[in-house]
Amino acid sequence: MGYADHVGFRAGTSKPYPAFDPVNQHLLSLTVKPLVAMEGSLYSRAYMAIGDQNDIADKLGALRRTCRSVNGVFSLLWHNSELVESENRDVYLSALGIHK
């Protein structure tokens, strides 16, 4: 569960939680793992269109730190096709807290 048009906390949390069936009013045996960020949300002109790699790295770093501060999970979807260019790889590694 996440937003395509911007990064953040769609479910209001970064912690996994049990799925709920609203029709039958009971918990399901599934765990929802909220998506905090997707690279396409940041790069795409249709969404946030952040052009500066440093701004993207800063945004992802802030989200990662926020998740850590509440013992949450920083879940990041980064499509492998967006790891071809070295600039994108650098931002990806930075988002994971890995610095060259």
C-alpha atoms as a PDB file:
ATOM      1  CA  MET A   1       0.000   0.000   0.000  1.00  0.00           C
ATOM      2  CA  GLY A   2       1.456   3.321  -1.047  1.00  0.00           C
ATOM      3  CA  TYR A   3       0.919   6.378  -3.149  1.00  0.00           C
ATOM      4  CA  ALA A   4       2.137   6.629  -6.734  1.00  0.00           C
ATOM      5  CA  ASP A   5       1.909  10.406  -6.874  1.00  0.00           C
ATOM      6  CA  HIS A   6       4.042  11.110  -3.801  1.00  0.00           C
ATOM      7  CA  VAL A   7       6.128   9.387  -1.156  1.00  0.00           C
ATOM      8  CA  GLY A   8       5.062   9.126   2.463  1.00  0.00           C
ATOM      9  CA  PHE A   9       2.806   7.259   4.824  1.00  0.00           C
ATOM     10  CA  ARG A  10      -0.450   6.414   3.093  1.00  0.00           C
ATOM     11  CA  ALA A  11      -1.520   4.099   5.884  1.00  0.00           C
ATOM     12  CA  GLY A  12      -0.345   6.588   8.515  1.00  0.00           C
ATOM     13  CA  THR A  13       2.371   4.191   9.622  1.00  0.00           C
ATOM     14  CA  SER A  14       5.540   2.506   8.468  1.00  0.00           C
ATOM     15  CA  LYS A  15       4.932  -0.541  10.636  1.00  0.00           C
ATOM     16  CA  PRO A  16       3.412  -3.763   9.283  1.00  0.00           C
ATOM     17  CA  TYR A  17      -0.130  -4.388  10.466  1.00  0.00           C
ATOM     18  CA  PRO A  18      -2.813  -7.085  10.061  1.00  0.00           C
ATOM     19  CA  ALA A  19      -5.135  -6.757   7.085  1.00  0.00           C
ATOM     20  CA  PHE A  20      -8.811  -6.309   7.850  1.00  0.00           C
ATOM     21  CA  ASP A  21     -11.794  -7.444   5.799  1.00  0.00           C
ATOM     22  CA  PRO A  22     -14.300  -4.590   6.094  1.00  0.00           C
ATOM     23  CA  VAL A  23     -17.092  -6.543   4.379  1.00  0.00           C
ATOM     24  CA  ASN A  24     -16.982  -9.530   6.748  1.00  0.00           C
ATOM     25  CA  GLN A  25     -15.652  -7.505   9.685  1.00  0.00           C
ATOM     26  CA  HIS A  26     -12.685  -9.666  10.652  1.00  0.00           C
ATOM     27  CA  LEU A  27      -8.911  -9.758  10.582  1.00  0.00           C
ATOM     28  CA  LEU A  28      -7.292 -11.621   7.717  1.00  0.00           C
ATOM     29  CA  SER A  29      -4.260 -13.868   7.967  1.00  0.00           C
ATOM     30  CA  LEU A  30      -2.307 -11.338   5.885  1.00  0.00           C
ATOM     31  CA  THR A  31       0.127  -8.671   6.941  1.00  0.00           C
ATOM     32  CA  VAL A  32       0.121  -5.319   5.169  1.00  0.00           C
ATOM     33  CA  LYS A  33       3.600  -3.854   4.721  1.00  0.00           C
ATOM     34  CA  PRO A  34       3.136  -0.191   3.851  1.00  0.00           C
ATOM     35  CA  LEU A  35       5.219   1.216   1.020  1.00  0.00           C
ATOM     36  CA  VAL A  36       6.986   4.385   2.121  1.00  0.00           C
ATOM     37  CA  ALA A  37       8.615   5.387  -1.168  1.00  0.00           C
ATOM     38  CA  MET A  38       8.988   4.443  -4.814  1.00  0.00           C
ATOM     39  CA  GLU A  39      11.631   5.955  -7.067  1.00  0.00           C
ATOM     40  CA  GLY A  40       9.074   6.560  -9.811  1.00  0.00           C
ATOM     41  CA  SER A  41       7.118   8.863  -7.517  1.00  0.00           C
ATOM     42  CA  LEU A  42      10.170  11.049  -7.091  1.00  0.00           C
ATOM     43  CA  TYR A  43      11.519  11.019 -10.655  1.00  0.00           C
ATOM     44  CA  SER A  44       8.401  10.922 -12.831  1.00  0.00           C
ATOM     45  CA  ARG A  45       7.083  14.118 -14.418  1.00  0.00           C
ATOM     46  CA  ALA A  46       3.578  12.774 -13.808  1.00  0.00           C
ATOM     47  CA  TYR A  47       4.178  12.765 -10.041  1.00  0.00           C
ATOM     48  CA  MET A  48       6.660  14.692  -7.880  1.00  0.00           C
ATOM     49  CA  ALA A  49       9.202  15.360 -10.672  1.00  0.00           C
ATOM     50  CA  ILE A  50      12.117  16.148  -8.388  1.00  0.00           C
ATOM     51  CA  GLY A  51      14.952  16.750 -10.810  1.00  0.00           C
ATOM     52  CA  ASP A  52      17.843  17.182  -8.413  1.00  0.00           C
ATOM     53  CA  GLN A  53      19.520  13.954  -7.243  1.00  0.00           C
ATOM     54  CA  ASN A  54      20.555  15.577  -3.944  1.00  0.00           C
ATOM     55  CA  ASP A  55      16.973  16.627  -3.214  1.00  0.00           C
ATOM     56  CA  ILE A  56      15.787  13.077  -3.887  1.00  0.00           C
ATOM     57  CA  ALA A  57      18.493  11.633  -1.640  1.00  0.00           C
ATOM     58  CA  ASP A  58      17.595  14.131   1.090  1.00  0.00           C
ATOM     59  CA  LYS A  59      13.874  13.282   0.858  1.00  0.00           C
ATOM     60  CA  LEU A  60      14.547   9.544   1.062  1.00  0.00           C
ATOM     61  CA  GLY A  61      17.013  10.028   3.908  1.00  0.00           C
ATOM     62  CA  ALA A  62      14.433  12.009   5.863  1.00  0.00           C
ATOM     63  CA  LEU A  63      11.832   9.275   5.342  1.00  0.00           C
ATOM     64  CA  ARG A  64      14.310   6.586   6.411  1.00  0.00           C
ATOM     65  CA  ARG A  65      15.184   8.531   9.570  1.00  0.00           C
ATOM     66  CA  THR A  66      11.500   9.085  10.373  1.00  0.00           C
ATOM     67  CA  CYS A  67      10.839   5.351  10.086  1.00  0.00           C
ATOM     68  CA  ARG A  68      13.819   4.574  12.291  1.00  0.00           C
ATOM     69  CA  SER A  69      12.728   7.106  14.925  1.00  0.00           C
ATOM     70  CA  VAL A  70       9.465   5.194  15.487  1.00  0.00           C
ATOM     71  CA  ASN A  71      10.974   1.706  15.061  1.00  0.00           C
ATOM     72  CA  GLY A  72       9.142   1.418  11.755  1.00  0.00           C
ATOM     73  CA  VAL A  73      10.166  -0.152   8.463  1.00  0.00           C
ATOM     74  CA  PHE A  74      11.515   1.938   5.607  1.00  0.00           C
ATOM     75  CA  SER A  75      10.096   0.088   2.604  1.00  0.00           C
ATOM     76  CA  LEU A  76      11.448   1.310  -0.708  1.00  0.00           C
ATOM     77  CA  LEU A  77      10.402   0.150  -4.155  1.00  0.00           C
ATOM     78  CA  TRP A  78      13.180   0.820  -6.646  1.00  0.00           C
ATOM     79  CA  HIS A  79      12.737  -0.727 -10.082  1.00  0.00           C
ATOM     80  CA  ASN A  80      15.885  -2.418 -11.333  1.00  0.00           C
ATOM     81  CA  SER A  81      15.536  -0.613 -14.672  1.00  0.00           C
ATOM     82  CA  GLU A  82      16.257   2.599 -12.744  1.00  0.00           C
ATOM     83  CA  LEU A  83      19.625   1.305 -11.522  1.00  0.00           C
ATOM     84  CA  VAL A  84      21.272   1.497 -14.945  1.00  0.00           C
ATOM     85  CA  GLU A  85      22.585   5.054 -14.562  1.00  0.00           C
ATOM     86  CA  SER A  86      25.242   5.591 -11.900  1.00  0.00           C
ATOM     87  CA  GLU A  87      23.512   8.723 -10.531  1.00  0.00           C
ATOM     88  CA  ASN A  88      20.371   6.722  -9.788  1.00  0.00           C
ATOM     89  CA  ARG A  89      22.407   3.910  -8.216  1.00  0.00           C
ATOM     90  CA  ASP A  90      24.121   6.450  -5.966  1.00  0.00           C
ATOM     91  CA  VAL A  91      20.762   7.824  -4.789  1.00  0.00           C
ATOM     92  CA  TYR A  92      19.488   4.278  -4.224  1.00  0.00           C
ATOM     93  CA  LEU A  93      22.511   3.340  -2.116  1.00  0.00           C
ATOM     94  CA  SER A  94      22.221   6.583  -0.172  1.00  0.00           C
ATOM     95  CA  ALA A  95      18.529   5.865   0.522  1.00  0.00           C
ATOM     96  CA  LEU A  96      19.586   2.558   2.034  1.00  0.00           C
ATOM     97  CA  GLY A  97      22.210   4.304   4.178  1.00  0.00           C
ATOM     98  CA  ILE A  98      25.085   2.945   2.104  1.00  0.00           C
ATOM     99  CA  HIS A  99      27.615   5.593   1.139  1.00  0.00           C
ATOM    100  CA  LYS A 100      30.525   5.151  -1.217  1.00  0.00           C
END
